[in-house]
Amino acid sequence: MRLNGIKNEFVAINGHLNGSRDDSLVYTVHTGVKGLIDLPDGSKVWLNSGSSVKCPARFSNEQRDVELDGEGYFIVKGDPEWPMFVRTKRNITVKVIGTEFNLTSYANDTEFKLTLVNGNVTIINSNNHTETIVTPLEEIVIPDKASIQQHKQQADIHTSTAWKEGFLLFDNTPMDQVVKKMERWYGVRFIINDSTILNNNFTAEFKSESLSQVLDFLRKSSFIGYKIDETTVTLSKL
């Protein structure tokens, strides 16, 4: 748990063998911290809180396979003859030649989101057997619900990558997403005493503020009370 603000520092994460026959490496960043990993090919991944990456100890000669659960900022070493495939638990894969992008795909979220800083990537969606090319400064969002269509739009790089620079940023964010983000950021668990709290949206930007400072701002701006009991935060309407 980290009740004070997260500093803009990344912990170097060493992979550990996952114990299976494939001898793959698993890099895990727990809630309340952020991590930086070096993949076997020299590519780098900055991992946000509560995220993990799995990859072989050595990539094959044909391709580079990586699995992400959570959020990561990738700088992939370029090689047109040696593509990287970043797979997620949503059956959505990012094919990369060499590029820089932010990818969000937490298992307990409701969408896949990729923001492309430079280069080109191809999104391979095995759920509907489609492939989508994303170009620099574009963002693609693929909701879990099949009834909601995926969409591409002009990327807001600052908003999408603020976490990497140490900012906790909310931009008209629904309260259920605010809660999830704060749980990961501070390593705590939230209890919602009044479901109407989830009807709120929240806009704010924080840099190194403590949990109580963020909650104080939430109380003043949205009239939401809070109580902190060790690693549990209870929210209620004022």
Protein backbone atom coordinates (compact mmCIF):
# COMPACT_ATOMS: atom_id res chain seq x y z
CA MET A 1 0.00 0.00 0.00
CA ARG A 2 1.13 3.53 -0.69
CA LEU A 3 -0.97 6.26 0.92
CA ASN A 4 1.42 9.02 -0.08
CA GLY A 5 1.73 10.13 -3.70
CA ILE A 6 3.64 7.96 -6.15
CA LYS A 7 6.86 9.65 -7.16
CA ASN A 8 7.77 9.81 -10.84
CA GLU A 9 10.17 6.90 -10.40
CA PHE A 10 10.19 3.47 -11.98
CA VAL A 11 11.51 0.38 -10.25
CA ALA A 12 13.69 -1.84 -12.46
CA ILE A 13 11.83 -5.16 -12.63
CA ASN A 14 13.61 -8.47 -13.16
CA GLY A 15 11.63 -11.28 -14.75
CA HIS A 16 11.17 -14.57 -12.93
CA LEU A 17 10.57 -17.98 -14.46
CA ASN A 18 6.90 -18.88 -14.24
CA GLY A 19 7.63 -22.54 -13.48
CA SER A 20 5.97 -23.92 -16.61
CA ARG A 21 7.64 -26.03 -19.26
CA ASP A 22 8.07 -23.11 -21.66
CA ASP A 23 10.50 -21.34 -19.26
CA SER A 24 8.90 -17.97 -19.96
CA LEU A 25 9.68 -14.88 -17.91
CA VAL A 26 7.03 -12.97 -15.97
CA TYR A 27 7.50 -9.34 -14.97
CA THR A 28 5.01 -8.13 -12.34
CA VAL A 29 4.39 -4.65 -10.94
CA HIS A 30 2.12 -4.58 -7.90
CA THR A 31 -0.38 -1.86 -7.06
CA GLY A 32 1.14 1.30 -5.63
CA VAL A 33 4.33 1.20 -7.74
CA LYS A 34 5.46 1.50 -11.36
CA GLY A 35 8.12 -0.54 -13.13
CA LEU A 36 10.55 -0.51 -16.04
CA ILE A 37 11.59 -3.70 -17.82
CA ASP A 38 14.06 -4.55 -20.56
CA LEU A 39 12.81 -7.26 -22.89
CA PRO A 40 15.27 -9.87 -24.24
CA ASP A 41 15.57 -8.00 -27.58
CA GLY A 42 16.43 -4.65 -25.99
CA SER A 43 12.92 -3.20 -26.24
CA LYS A 44 11.67 -1.34 -23.16
CA VAL A 45 8.32 -1.38 -21.37
CA TRP A 46 7.22 1.01 -18.64
CA LEU A 47 4.55 -0.76 -16.58
CA ASN A 48 1.80 1.03 -14.70
CA SER A 49 0.59 -0.15 -11.29
CA GLY A 50 -1.01 -3.59 -11.14
CA SER A 51 0.39 -4.76 -14.49
CA SER A 52 2.38 -7.72 -15.75
CA VAL A 53 4.25 -8.84 -18.86
CA LYS A 54 5.09 -12.38 -19.91
CA CYS A 55 7.57 -13.32 -22.63
CA PRO A 56 10.08 -16.07 -23.49
CA ALA A 57 13.52 -15.90 -21.93
CA ARG A 58 14.72 -15.78 -25.55
CA PHE A 59 12.56 -14.76 -28.48
CA SER A 60 12.30 -17.12 -31.45
CA ASN A 61 13.99 -16.24 -34.73
CA GLU A 62 10.61 -15.78 -36.43
CA GLN A 63 8.82 -13.39 -34.07
CA ARG A 64 8.76 -11.79 -30.63
CA ASP A 65 5.78 -12.85 -28.49
CA VAL A 66 4.78 -10.77 -25.46
CA GLU A 67 1.67 -10.91 -23.25
CA LEU A 68 0.40 -7.84 -21.37
CA ASP A 69 -2.14 -7.66 -18.58
CA GLY A 70 -2.61 -4.07 -17.44
CA GLU A 71 -1.02 -0.95 -18.90
CA GLY A 72 2.36 -0.51 -20.52
CA TYR A 73 4.26 2.07 -22.53
CA PHE A 74 6.31 0.24 -25.17
CA ILE A 75 9.37 1.35 -27.09
CA VAL A 76 9.95 -1.56 -29.46
CA LYS A 77 13.30 -2.10 -31.12
CA GLY A 78 12.70 -1.89 -34.86
CA ASP A 79 13.22 -4.86 -37.16
CA PRO A 80 10.93 -5.33 -40.21
CA GLU A 81 11.92 -8.99 -40.45
CA TRP A 82 11.28 -9.71 -36.77
CA PRO A 83 7.79 -8.54 -35.73
CA MET A 84 6.61 -8.34 -32.15
CA PHE A 85 3.14 -9.56 -31.20
CA VAL A 86 1.76 -8.08 -27.97
CA ARG A 87 -1.14 -10.29 -26.90
CA THR A 88 -3.87 -9.50 -24.37
CA LYS A 89 -6.47 -11.58 -22.52
CA ARG A 90 -9.15 -10.01 -24.72
CA ASN A 91 -8.01 -12.03 -27.77
CA ILE A 92 -6.73 -8.79 -29.25
CA THR A 93 -3.12 -8.67 -30.44
CA VAL A 94 -0.90 -5.76 -31.47
CA LYS A 95 1.51 -6.51 -34.32
CA VAL A 96 4.56 -4.27 -34.09
CA ILE A 97 7.62 -3.80 -36.30
CA GLY A 98 9.26 -1.04 -34.29
CA THR A 99 7.34 1.77 -32.68
CA GLU A 100 6.30 3.61 -29.53
CA PHE A 101 2.83 3.25 -28.03
CA ASN A 102 0.76 3.07 -24.86
CA LEU A 103 -1.46 0.02 -24.41
CA THR A 104 -4.15 -0.40 -21.75
CA SER A 105 -5.87 -3.76 -21.26
CA TYR A 106 -6.54 -4.49 -17.59
CA ALA A 107 -8.51 -7.70 -17.10
CA ASN A 108 -11.06 -5.96 -14.85
CA ASP A 109 -11.60 -3.00 -17.18
CA THR A 110 -14.18 -2.90 -19.96
CA GLU A 111 -12.10 -1.98 -22.99
CA PHE A 112 -8.85 -2.26 -24.92
CA LYS A 113 -7.13 1.04 -25.69
CA LEU A 114 -4.00 1.79 -27.70
CA THR A 115 -2.42 5.21 -28.26
CA LEU A 116 0.24 5.34 -30.97
CA VAL A 117 3.04 7.87 -30.51
CA ASN A 118 5.04 6.97 -33.61
CA GLY A 119 5.47 4.16 -36.13
CA ASN A 120 2.64 1.91 -37.28
CA VAL A 121 0.87 -1.03 -35.68
CA THR A 122 -1.80 -3.50 -36.74
CA ILE A 123 -4.56 -4.50 -34.32
CA ILE A 124 -5.59 -8.13 -34.82
CA ASN A 125 -8.98 -8.79 -33.23
CA SER A 126 -9.63 -12.54 -33.06
CA ASN A 127 -13.12 -11.95 -31.66
CA ASN A 128 -14.46 -10.62 -34.96
CA HIS A 129 -11.59 -11.63 -37.27
CA THR A 130 -10.63 -8.08 -38.24
CA GLU A 131 -7.35 -6.24 -38.63
CA THR A 132 -7.01 -2.47 -38.16
CA ILE A 133 -3.98 -0.34 -38.98
CA VAL A 134 -3.24 2.48 -36.54
CA THR A 135 -1.07 5.41 -37.62
CA PRO A 136 0.92 7.93 -35.53
CA LEU A 137 -1.04 10.13 -33.12
CA GLU A 138 -4.12 7.95 -33.47
CA GLU A 139 -5.92 6.16 -30.66
CA ILE A 140 -8.12 3.09 -30.95
CA VAL A 141 -10.64 1.93 -28.34
CA ILE A 142 -12.26 -1.52 -28.53
CA PRO A 143 -15.04 -2.06 -25.95
CA ASP A 144 -15.66 -5.52 -24.52
CA LYS A 145 -19.35 -5.30 -25.40
CA ALA A 146 -19.89 -6.44 -28.98
CA SER A 147 -22.86 -4.07 -29.20
CA ILE A 148 -20.51 -1.06 -28.90
CA GLN A 149 -18.39 -0.42 -31.97
CA GLN A 150 -14.66 0.18 -31.81
CA HIS A 151 -13.53 3.66 -32.77
CA LYS A 152 -10.38 5.49 -33.80
CA GLN A 153 -9.73 9.12 -33.00
CA GLN A 154 -7.01 11.73 -32.75
CA ALA A 155 -4.91 10.86 -29.72
CA ASP A 156 -4.41 13.08 -26.71
CA ILE A 157 -0.87 11.93 -25.92
CA HIS A 158 -0.67 13.82 -22.62
CA THR A 159 -3.87 12.31 -21.28
CA SER A 160 -3.01 8.77 -22.35
CA THR A 161 0.58 8.80 -21.09
CA ALA A 162 0.27 11.11 -18.06
CA TRP A 163 0.79 8.17 -15.68
CA LYS A 164 4.27 7.61 -17.15
CA GLU A 165 5.22 11.18 -16.19
CA GLY A 166 3.89 10.71 -12.65
CA PHE A 167 0.47 12.35 -13.12
CA LEU A 168 -2.78 10.89 -11.83
CA LEU A 169 -5.19 12.38 -14.36
CA PHE A 170 -8.97 12.28 -14.67
CA ASP A 171 -10.76 13.91 -17.60
CA ASN A 172 -14.52 13.70 -17.09
CA THR A 173 -13.83 10.13 -15.96
CA PRO A 174 -16.76 7.99 -14.72
CA MET A 175 -16.48 7.30 -11.01
CA ASP A 176 -16.19 3.53 -11.39
CA GLN A 177 -13.04 4.09 -13.46
CA VAL A 178 -11.77 6.68 -10.98
CA VAL A 179 -12.06 4.10 -8.20
CA LYS A 180 -10.21 1.40 -10.18
CA LYS A 181 -7.44 3.82 -11.09
CA MET A 182 -6.98 4.97 -7.49
CA GLU A 183 -6.99 1.38 -6.21
CA ARG A 184 -4.07 0.58 -8.49
CA TRP A 185 -2.27 3.88 -7.96
CA TYR A 186 -2.32 3.77 -4.16
CA GLY A 187 -2.62 0.02 -3.51
CA VAL A 188 -5.91 0.24 -1.61
CA ARG A 189 -9.43 -1.20 -1.86
CA PHE A 190 -12.56 0.93 -2.16
CA ILE A 191 -16.00 0.22 -0.72
CA ILE A 192 -18.91 2.25 -2.14
CA ASN A 193 -21.65 2.76 0.46
CA ASP A 194 -24.03 4.57 -1.89
CA SER A 195 -24.32 3.40 -5.51
CA THR A 196 -25.39 6.90 -6.64
CA ILE A 197 -21.75 7.92 -6.15
CA LEU A 198 -21.01 6.01 -9.35
CA ASN A 199 -23.22 8.45 -11.28
CA ASN A 200 -20.53 11.11 -10.89
CA ASN A 201 -17.76 12.02 -13.33
CA PHE A 202 -14.50 13.52 -12.13
CA THR A 203 -11.95 15.89 -13.68
CA ALA A 204 -8.64 16.67 -11.96
CA GLU A 205 -4.88 16.30 -12.32
CA PHE A 206 -2.59 15.34 -9.45
CA LYS A 207 1.17 15.12 -9.10
CA SER A 208 2.57 13.34 -6.02
CA GLU A 209 -0.49 14.12 -3.87
CA SER A 210 -1.28 11.69 -1.08
CA LEU A 211 -4.41 9.55 -1.08
CA SER A 212 -6.03 11.74 1.58
CA GLN A 213 -5.28 14.89 -0.44
CA VAL A 214 -6.96 13.42 -3.52
CA LEU A 215 -9.94 12.28 -1.45
CA ASP A 216 -10.21 15.73 0.15
CA PHE A 217 -10.46 17.25 -3.32
CA LEU A 218 -13.09 14.67 -4.27
CA ARG A 219 -15.07 15.52 -1.12
CA LYS A 220 -15.04 19.25 -1.83
CA SER A 221 -15.79 18.98 -5.55
CA SER A 222 -18.29 16.11 -5.57
CA PHE A 223 -19.63 16.04 -1.99
CA ILE A 224 -18.35 12.51 -1.43
CA GLY A 225 -17.21 11.62 2.07
CA TYR A 226 -14.51 9.08 2.83
CA LYS A 227 -13.02 7.01 5.62
CA ILE A 228 -9.59 5.37 5.46
CA ASP A 229 -9.07 2.20 7.51
CA GLU A 230 -5.59 0.82 6.79
CA THR A 231 -5.84 -0.39 3.17
CA THR A 232 -9.60 0.12 2.80
CA VAL A 233 -11.31 3.34 1.71
CA THR A 234 -15.06 3.71 2.21
CA LEU A 235 -16.93 6.32 0.17
CA SER A 236 -20.34 7.72 1.09
CA LYS A 237 -22.52 10.64 0.06
CA LEU A 238 -22.37 13.75 2.21
